[in-house]
Protein backbone atom coordinates (compact mmCIF):
# COMPACT_ATOMS: atom_id res chain seq x y z
CA MET A 1 -8.31 -32.91 136.18
CA PRO A 2 -5.01 -33.10 135.58
CA MET A 3 -3.05 -36.22 136.96
CA GLN A 4 0.87 -36.80 137.00
CA LEU A 5 1.98 -39.96 136.28
CA MET A 6 4.71 -42.03 138.42
CA LEU A 7 7.34 -43.80 137.31
CA ASP A 8 8.84 -46.70 139.18
CA PHE A 9 12.56 -47.12 138.45
CA THR A 10 13.05 -49.93 141.20
CA PRO A 11 15.19 -53.16 139.63
CA LYS A 12 13.08 -56.41 139.00
CA PRO A 13 14.46 -59.39 139.80
CA LEU A 14 16.06 -61.28 136.83
CA PHE A 15 13.88 -64.07 135.47
CA GLN A 16 14.89 -67.80 136.65
CA PRO A 17 14.52 -70.48 133.73
CA LYS A 18 13.22 -73.21 135.65
CA PRO A 19 15.08 -76.39 136.30
CA VAL A 20 14.75 -78.90 133.38
CA ALA A 21 12.38 -81.92 134.60
CA ARG A 22 13.72 -84.91 132.72
CA ASN A 23 11.58 -88.31 132.79
CA THR A 24 14.88 -90.57 131.98
CA SER A 25 18.52 -91.16 132.98
CA TRP A 26 21.19 -88.70 130.63
CA VAL A 27 24.61 -89.24 130.12
CA ASP A 28 27.37 -86.37 129.87
CA VAL A 29 29.23 -86.66 126.76
CA SER A 30 30.63 -83.19 126.57
CA ASP A 31 34.40 -84.17 126.30
CA ILE A 32 33.27 -85.99 122.80
CA ALA A 33 30.81 -83.47 121.63
CA ARG A 34 33.64 -80.68 122.01
CA GLY A 35 35.38 -82.65 119.13
CA THR A 36 32.17 -82.26 116.81
CA GLY A 37 31.44 -78.64 117.57
CA PHE A 38 29.41 -78.07 120.57
CA THR A 39 30.34 -75.81 122.88
CA LEU A 40 27.32 -76.22 125.51
CA PRO A 41 27.59 -79.31 127.46
CA VAL A 42 26.20 -82.21 126.12
CA GLU A 43 24.10 -85.27 127.30
CA VAL A 44 22.48 -88.64 125.65
CA SER A 45 19.89 -90.38 126.92
CA VAL A 46 20.64 -93.81 128.57
CA SER A 47 18.40 -95.33 126.10
CA LEU A 48 20.20 -94.30 122.95
CA SER A 49 23.57 -95.09 124.41
CA ASP A 50 22.38 -98.80 125.14
CA ALA A 51 20.88 -98.37 121.21
CA LEU A 52 24.61 -97.54 119.92
CA ALA A 53 26.24 -100.02 122.10
CA PRO A 54 28.01 -102.85 120.03
CA LEU A 55 26.30 -106.34 119.97
CA GLN A 56 28.67 -109.12 121.30
CA THR A 57 30.44 -109.75 117.75
CA GLU A 58 31.40 -106.43 117.03
CA ASP A 59 34.21 -104.45 118.48
CA GLU A 60 34.06 -101.76 121.62
CA ALA A 61 35.26 -99.47 119.11
CA GLU A 62 31.73 -99.12 117.28
CA TYR A 63 30.37 -97.12 119.79
CA ASP A 64 32.61 -94.27 120.39
CA GLN A 65 32.44 -94.14 116.53
CA ARG A 66 28.47 -93.95 116.11
CA LEU A 67 28.51 -91.44 119.08
CA TYR A 68 30.75 -89.46 117.88
CA ASP A 69 28.43 -90.01 114.14
CA ALA A 70 25.10 -89.08 115.86
CA LEU A 71 26.73 -85.95 117.63
CA TRP A 72 28.34 -84.54 114.48
CA LEU A 73 25.05 -84.74 112.56
CA ALA A 74 23.32 -83.44 115.80
CA HIS A 75 25.10 -80.18 115.48
CA HIS A 76 25.15 -80.22 112.17
CA TYR A 77 21.00 -80.04 112.17
CA LEU A 78 21.70 -77.66 114.85
CA SER A 79 23.84 -75.07 113.21
CA LEU A 80 21.53 -74.84 109.71
CA ASP A 81 18.18 -74.90 111.24
CA GLN A 82 19.07 -72.63 114.31
CA ARG A 83 15.80 -74.01 116.35
CA GLN A 84 15.64 -75.44 119.72
CA SER A 85 14.10 -78.62 119.20
CA ILE A 86 15.10 -80.98 115.69
CA THR A 87 14.01 -84.26 115.04
CA PHE A 88 16.32 -86.44 112.77
CA THR A 89 16.85 -89.96 111.83
CA PHE A 90 20.49 -91.43 112.25
CA ASP A 91 21.28 -94.61 109.63
CA PHE A 92 24.05 -96.75 110.61
CA LEU A 93 26.00 -100.14 109.96
CA ARG A 94 25.46 -102.84 112.79
CA GLU A 95 27.30 -106.33 111.64
CA ASP A 96 24.90 -109.03 111.78
CA SER A 97 25.72 -111.63 114.66
CA ARG A 98 24.64 -114.59 112.14
CA GLY A 99 26.66 -114.19 109.20
CA GLY A 100 29.11 -111.42 110.00
CA LYS A 101 27.28 -109.48 107.31
CA LEU A 102 26.59 -105.26 107.87
CA THR A 103 23.26 -104.57 108.02
CA GLU A 104 21.53 -101.00 107.99
CA ALA A 105 20.15 -99.89 111.72
CA SER A 106 18.35 -96.80 111.76
CA LEU A 107 17.49 -94.22 115.09
CA ARG A 108 14.75 -91.62 115.18
CA LEU A 109 16.77 -88.96 117.03
CA ARG A 110 16.08 -85.53 118.75
CA VAL A 111 18.17 -82.99 119.84
CA GLU A 112 17.00 -79.90 122.11
CA GLU A 113 18.94 -77.16 123.32
CA GLN A 114 17.31 -76.11 127.19
CA ASN A 115 19.53 -73.72 129.80
CA GLN A 116 22.51 -73.71 128.44
CA LEU A 117 22.45 -77.66 127.99
CA VAL A 118 22.15 -80.18 125.16
CA LEU A 119 19.90 -83.31 124.89
CA ILE A 120 20.09 -85.84 122.27
CA GLY A 121 18.46 -88.72 123.00
CA LEU A 122 15.24 -90.87 121.32
CA PRO A 123 11.77 -88.75 121.13
CA GLN A 124 9.93 -90.90 123.58
CA ASP A 125 13.11 -89.44 126.44
CA PHE A 126 12.04 -86.07 126.24
């Protein structure tokens, strides 16, 4: 017995992504991040911001330079790999509080692109 198919052309609602649920506080650094090539808003975790903060013996401008360097490196890795999430190591110099010598500090960072927002932080912040 022949059967006639019925097509339904009623519009369906667009997919609405769920809001990003985050377990830590984030700081908007979009203004600085634009200088490194980011076009989306960028936020860094408070724990990353604290880790980059200058020690008592260091100049306050050290924070801005470290943040800029971390943002530049994150943008570099995202543009090379085209994945939504990348983990990388960020090395920087820190002035030793005892002797004034420079020592190398190393942080493991993660950058994620989520819902038109870029998040950068320590792996445990995600």
